[in-house]
Amino acid sequence: MKSSAQRRLPLQAARDAYRTLLGWALGILIEQGAVTECEHHGHRRDRSDPDAWNRACEEARLSPFPGTTSEASMAAISEVMTSIGETCPDCD
C-alpha cells in the first residue's frame, strides 16, 4: 500500500501572476496607489496623484514585465492610465 505522500498528485507548475502586459501595468498602478476602484460599481478610477504615477513609472522602468523592455512596460503604464477616467461612469 502506498503512503499518503506517494498517493498525492504531482503539483502543477505555478502560473505567472499576470498573463498580459496591460494586466501587469494595471496591477502596478493599483499597487502604487495611482488607481482605485469604485466601491459601488468596481470601475477603476484615476486618483490624479502625481507621486503615485511617478512611482508606477519608476517600477516599470526598474522591473519591466518579463520578456519586454523598460520602454514597452512604461508605454503600457501610460496606455492603461489614458484608458481610465477620474470618475466612475455608473456613479454619474
N, C-alpha and C. Protein backbone atom coordinates (compact mmCIF):
# COMPACT_ATOMS: atom_id res chain seq x y z
N MET A 1 0.84 -1.18 0.00
CA MET A 1 0.00 0.00 0.00
C MET A 1 0.89 1.24 0.00
N LYS A 2 0.51 2.23 -0.80
CA LYS A 2 1.27 3.47 -0.92
C LYS A 2 0.97 4.38 0.26
N SER A 3 2.00 5.14 0.65
CA SER A 3 1.79 6.12 1.71
C SER A 3 1.01 7.30 1.14
N SER A 4 0.54 8.17 2.03
CA SER A 4 -0.24 9.33 1.57
C SER A 4 0.61 10.25 0.70
N ALA A 5 1.91 10.35 0.96
CA ALA A 5 2.78 11.19 0.15
C ALA A 5 2.92 10.64 -1.26
N GLN A 6 2.90 9.33 -1.40
CA GLN A 6 3.02 8.71 -2.71
C GLN A 6 1.72 8.79 -3.49
N ARG A 7 0.59 8.89 -2.82
CA ARG A 7 -0.71 8.94 -3.49
C ARG A 7 -1.05 10.32 -4.00
N ARG A 8 -0.36 11.34 -3.53
CA ARG A 8 -0.67 12.71 -3.95
C ARG A 8 -0.41 12.90 -5.43
N LEU A 9 -1.20 13.74 -6.02
CA LEU A 9 -1.00 14.08 -7.42
C LEU A 9 0.19 15.02 -7.55
N PRO A 10 0.91 14.96 -8.65
CA PRO A 10 2.02 15.90 -8.82
C PRO A 10 1.51 17.33 -8.86
N LEU A 11 2.29 18.23 -8.30
CA LEU A 11 1.90 19.65 -8.28
C LEU A 11 2.01 20.24 -9.67
N GLN A 12 1.05 21.09 -9.98
CA GLN A 12 1.11 21.80 -11.25
C GLN A 12 2.06 22.98 -11.11
N ALA A 13 2.69 23.32 -12.21
CA ALA A 13 3.58 24.48 -12.19
C ALA A 13 2.76 25.74 -11.93
N ALA A 14 3.27 26.61 -11.10
CA ALA A 14 2.57 27.85 -10.79
C ALA A 14 2.56 28.76 -12.01
N ARG A 15 1.42 29.42 -12.24
CA ARG A 15 1.32 30.36 -13.36
C ARG A 15 1.84 31.71 -12.92
N ASP A 16 2.26 32.49 -13.89
CA ASP A 16 2.68 33.85 -13.59
C ASP A 16 1.50 34.63 -13.05
N ALA A 17 1.78 35.61 -12.21
CA ALA A 17 0.73 36.42 -11.61
C ALA A 17 -0.05 37.19 -12.68
N TYR A 18 0.63 37.63 -13.73
CA TYR A 18 -0.02 38.39 -14.79
C TYR A 18 0.25 37.69 -16.12
N ARG A 19 -0.77 37.60 -16.93
CA ARG A 19 -0.63 36.94 -18.23
C ARG A 19 -0.34 37.93 -19.35
N THR A 20 -0.77 39.18 -19.18
CA THR A 20 -0.58 40.17 -20.25
C THR A 20 0.15 41.39 -19.72
N LEU A 21 0.74 42.11 -20.63
CA LEU A 21 1.45 43.34 -20.28
C LEU A 21 0.49 44.37 -19.69
N LEU A 22 -0.70 44.51 -20.28
CA LEU A 22 -1.65 45.51 -19.78
C LEU A 22 -2.19 45.11 -18.40
N GLY A 23 -2.37 43.83 -18.16
CA GLY A 23 -2.79 43.37 -16.83
C GLY A 23 -1.72 43.66 -15.80
N TRP A 24 -0.48 43.46 -16.18
CA TRP A 24 0.64 43.78 -15.30
C TRP A 24 0.67 45.27 -15.00
N ALA A 25 0.48 46.09 -16.04
CA ALA A 25 0.51 47.54 -15.87
C ALA A 25 -0.59 48.00 -14.91
N LEU A 26 -1.79 47.45 -15.06
CA LEU A 26 -2.88 47.81 -14.15
C LEU A 26 -2.53 47.40 -12.72
N GLY A 27 -1.92 46.25 -12.55
CA GLY A 27 -1.51 45.81 -11.21
C GLY A 27 -0.50 46.75 -10.59
N ILE A 28 0.45 47.21 -11.37
CA ILE A 28 1.45 48.17 -10.87
C ILE A 28 0.77 49.47 -10.45
N LEU A 29 -0.15 49.95 -11.28
CA LEU A 29 -0.85 51.20 -10.96
C LEU A 29 -1.68 51.06 -9.68
N ILE A 30 -2.29 49.92 -9.48
CA ILE A 30 -3.07 49.69 -8.26
C ILE A 30 -2.14 49.60 -7.06
N GLU A 31 -1.05 48.84 -7.18
CA GLU A 31 -0.09 48.70 -6.08
C GLU A 31 0.49 50.04 -5.65
N GLN A 32 0.75 50.92 -6.60
CA GLN A 32 1.37 52.21 -6.29
C GLN A 32 0.35 53.27 -5.88
N GLY A 33 -0.93 52.94 -5.93
CA GLY A 33 -1.97 53.88 -5.49
C GLY A 33 -2.38 54.90 -6.52
N ALA A 34 -2.01 54.70 -7.78
CA ALA A 34 -2.40 55.64 -8.83
C ALA A 34 -3.83 55.40 -9.28
N VAL A 35 -4.34 54.22 -9.05
CA VAL A 35 -5.69 53.83 -9.49
C VAL A 35 -6.43 53.21 -8.30
N THR A 36 -7.70 53.56 -8.17
CA THR A 36 -8.54 52.95 -7.14
C THR A 36 -9.75 52.32 -7.82
N GLU A 37 -10.57 51.68 -7.03
CA GLU A 37 -11.77 51.03 -7.54
C GLU A 37 -12.99 51.69 -6.92
N CYS A 38 -14.01 51.93 -7.74
CA CYS A 38 -15.28 52.46 -7.22
C CYS A 38 -15.87 51.42 -6.27
N GLU A 39 -16.16 51.84 -5.06
CA GLU A 39 -16.67 50.89 -4.06
C GLU A 39 -18.08 50.39 -4.37
N HIS A 40 -18.80 51.09 -5.24
CA HIS A 40 -20.17 50.68 -5.58
C HIS A 40 -20.25 49.85 -6.85
N HIS A 41 -19.42 50.15 -7.84
CA HIS A 41 -19.56 49.51 -9.15
C HIS A 41 -18.32 48.74 -9.61
N GLY A 42 -17.18 48.96 -9.00
CA GLY A 42 -15.97 48.22 -9.33
C GLY A 42 -15.16 48.79 -10.48
N HIS A 43 -15.58 49.92 -11.04
CA HIS A 43 -14.80 50.53 -12.13
C HIS A 43 -13.51 51.13 -11.58
N ARG A 44 -12.48 51.13 -12.37
CA ARG A 44 -11.21 51.73 -11.98
C ARG A 44 -11.28 53.24 -12.15
N ARG A 45 -10.63 53.96 -11.22
CA ARG A 45 -10.62 55.42 -11.27
C ARG A 45 -9.21 55.94 -11.07
N ASP A 46 -8.87 56.96 -11.83
CA ASP A 46 -7.57 57.63 -11.69
C ASP A 46 -7.62 58.51 -10.45
N ARG A 47 -6.66 58.38 -9.56
CA ARG A 47 -6.62 59.18 -8.34
C ARG A 47 -6.01 60.55 -8.56
N SER A 48 -5.42 60.79 -9.71
CA SER A 48 -4.76 62.07 -10.02
C SER A 48 -3.67 62.39 -9.00
N ASP A 49 -2.91 61.37 -8.66
CA ASP A 49 -1.81 61.52 -7.71
C ASP A 49 -0.49 61.43 -8.47
N PRO A 50 0.19 62.57 -8.69
CA PRO A 50 1.43 62.54 -9.47
C PRO A 50 2.53 61.71 -8.83
N ASP A 51 2.57 61.65 -7.50
CA ASP A 51 3.60 60.84 -6.83
C ASP A 51 3.37 59.35 -7.09
N ALA A 52 2.13 58.91 -7.05
CA ALA A 52 1.82 57.51 -7.34
C ALA A 52 2.12 57.19 -8.80
N TRP A 53 1.81 58.11 -9.69
CA TRP A 53 2.13 57.94 -11.11
C TRP A 53 3.64 57.80 -11.31
N ASN A 54 4.43 58.64 -10.65
CA ASN A 54 5.88 58.56 -10.76
C ASN A 54 6.43 57.25 -10.19
N ARG A 55 5.85 56.79 -9.07
CA ARG A 55 6.29 55.51 -8.50
C ARG A 55 5.99 54.36 -9.46
N ALA A 56 4.82 54.39 -10.10
CA ALA A 56 4.46 53.33 -11.06
C ALA A 56 5.40 53.34 -12.26
N CYS A 57 5.72 54.52 -12.77
CA CYS A 57 6.65 54.62 -13.90
C CYS A 57 8.04 54.14 -13.51
N GLU A 58 8.48 54.48 -12.32
CA GLU A 58 9.79 54.03 -11.84
C GLU A 58 9.82 52.51 -11.68
N GLU A 59 8.75 51.94 -11.16
CA GLU A 59 8.64 50.49 -11.03
C GLU A 59 8.71 49.82 -12.40
N ALA A 60 8.03 50.38 -13.38
CA ALA A 60 8.06 49.82 -14.74
C ALA A 60 9.44 49.93 -15.35
N ARG A 61 10.14 51.00 -15.05
CA ARG A 61 11.49 51.19 -15.60
C ARG A 61 12.49 50.22 -14.96
N LEU A 62 12.39 50.05 -13.65
CA LEU A 62 13.35 49.20 -12.94
C LEU A 62 13.03 47.71 -13.03
N SER A 63 11.75 47.35 -13.07
CA SER A 63 11.34 45.94 -13.11
C SER A 63 10.30 45.74 -14.20
N PRO A 64 10.71 45.74 -15.47
CA PRO A 64 9.73 45.61 -16.56
C PRO A 64 9.06 44.25 -16.56
N PHE A 65 7.93 44.19 -17.24
CA PHE A 65 7.20 42.93 -17.41
C PHE A 65 8.13 41.91 -18.06
N PRO A 66 8.15 40.67 -17.59
CA PRO A 66 9.06 39.67 -18.16
C PRO A 66 8.90 39.54 -19.68
N GLY A 67 10.03 39.60 -20.36
CA GLY A 67 10.05 39.47 -21.81
C GLY A 67 9.88 40.76 -22.57
N THR A 68 9.79 41.89 -21.86
CA THR A 68 9.65 43.18 -22.53
C THR A 68 10.76 44.12 -22.06
N THR A 69 10.85 45.24 -22.73
CA THR A 69 11.82 46.26 -22.35
C THR A 69 11.20 47.25 -21.36
N SER A 70 12.05 48.05 -20.77
CA SER A 70 11.56 49.10 -19.86
C SER A 70 10.64 50.07 -20.60
N GLU A 71 11.01 50.40 -21.83
CA GLU A 71 10.22 51.34 -22.62
C GLU A 71 8.82 50.77 -22.90
N ALA A 72 8.75 49.50 -23.25
CA ALA A 72 7.45 48.88 -23.53
C ALA A 72 6.59 48.82 -22.27
N SER A 73 7.21 48.54 -21.14
CA SER A 73 6.48 48.49 -19.88
C SER A 73 5.97 49.87 -19.47
N MET A 74 6.80 50.89 -19.66
CA MET A 74 6.36 52.25 -19.34
C MET A 74 5.26 52.70 -20.29
N ALA A 75 5.34 52.30 -21.55
CA ALA A 75 4.28 52.64 -22.51
C ALA A 75 2.97 51.97 -22.12
N ALA A 76 3.04 50.75 -21.60
CA ALA A 76 1.83 50.05 -21.16
C ALA A 76 1.20 50.77 -19.96
N ILE A 77 2.03 51.26 -19.05
CA ILE A 77 1.52 52.04 -17.91
C ILE A 77 0.76 53.26 -18.42
N SER A 78 1.34 53.96 -19.38
CA SER A 78 0.69 55.15 -19.96
C SER A 78 -0.60 54.79 -20.67
N GLU A 79 -0.59 53.68 -21.42
CA GLU A 79 -1.79 53.26 -22.15
C GLU A 79 -2.94 52.94 -21.20
N VAL A 80 -2.63 52.24 -20.12
CA VAL A 80 -3.68 51.90 -19.15
C VAL A 80 -4.21 53.16 -18.48
N MET A 81 -3.31 54.08 -18.12
CA MET A 81 -3.76 55.30 -17.45
C MET A 81 -4.63 56.16 -18.35
N THR A 82 -4.35 56.21 -19.64
CA THR A 82 -5.18 57.02 -20.53
C THR A 82 -6.56 56.40 -20.74
N SER A 83 -6.68 55.10 -20.46
CA SER A 83 -7.98 54.45 -20.64
C SER A 83 -8.86 54.54 -19.40
N ILE A 84 -8.31 55.08 -18.30
CA ILE A 84 -9.05 55.17 -17.04
C ILE A 84 -9.44 56.61 -16.77
N GLY A 85 -10.69 56.83 -16.42
CA GLY A 85 -11.16 58.18 -16.10
C GLY A 85 -11.07 58.49 -14.62
N GLU A 86 -11.38 59.72 -14.28
CA GLU A 86 -11.31 60.15 -12.89
C GLU A 86 -12.60 59.85 -12.12
N THR A 87 -13.67 59.56 -12.84
CA THR A 87 -14.95 59.27 -12.18
C THR A 87 -15.48 57.93 -12.66
N CYS A 88 -16.33 57.34 -11.87
CA CYS A 88 -16.98 56.09 -12.25
C CYS A 88 -18.11 56.40 -13.21
N PRO A 89 -18.18 55.72 -14.35
CA PRO A 89 -19.24 56.02 -15.32
C PRO A 89 -20.64 55.70 -14.81
N ASP A 90 -20.76 54.77 -13.86
CA ASP A 90 -22.07 54.42 -13.34
C ASP A 90 -22.53 55.31 -12.20
N CYS A 91 -21.61 56.03 -11.57
CA CYS A 91 -21.97 56.92 -10.48
C CYS A 91 -22.55 58.25 -10.98
N ASP A 92 -22.24 58.61 -12.21
CA ASP A 92 -22.71 59.90 -12.76
C ASP A 92 -24.19 59.92 -12.99
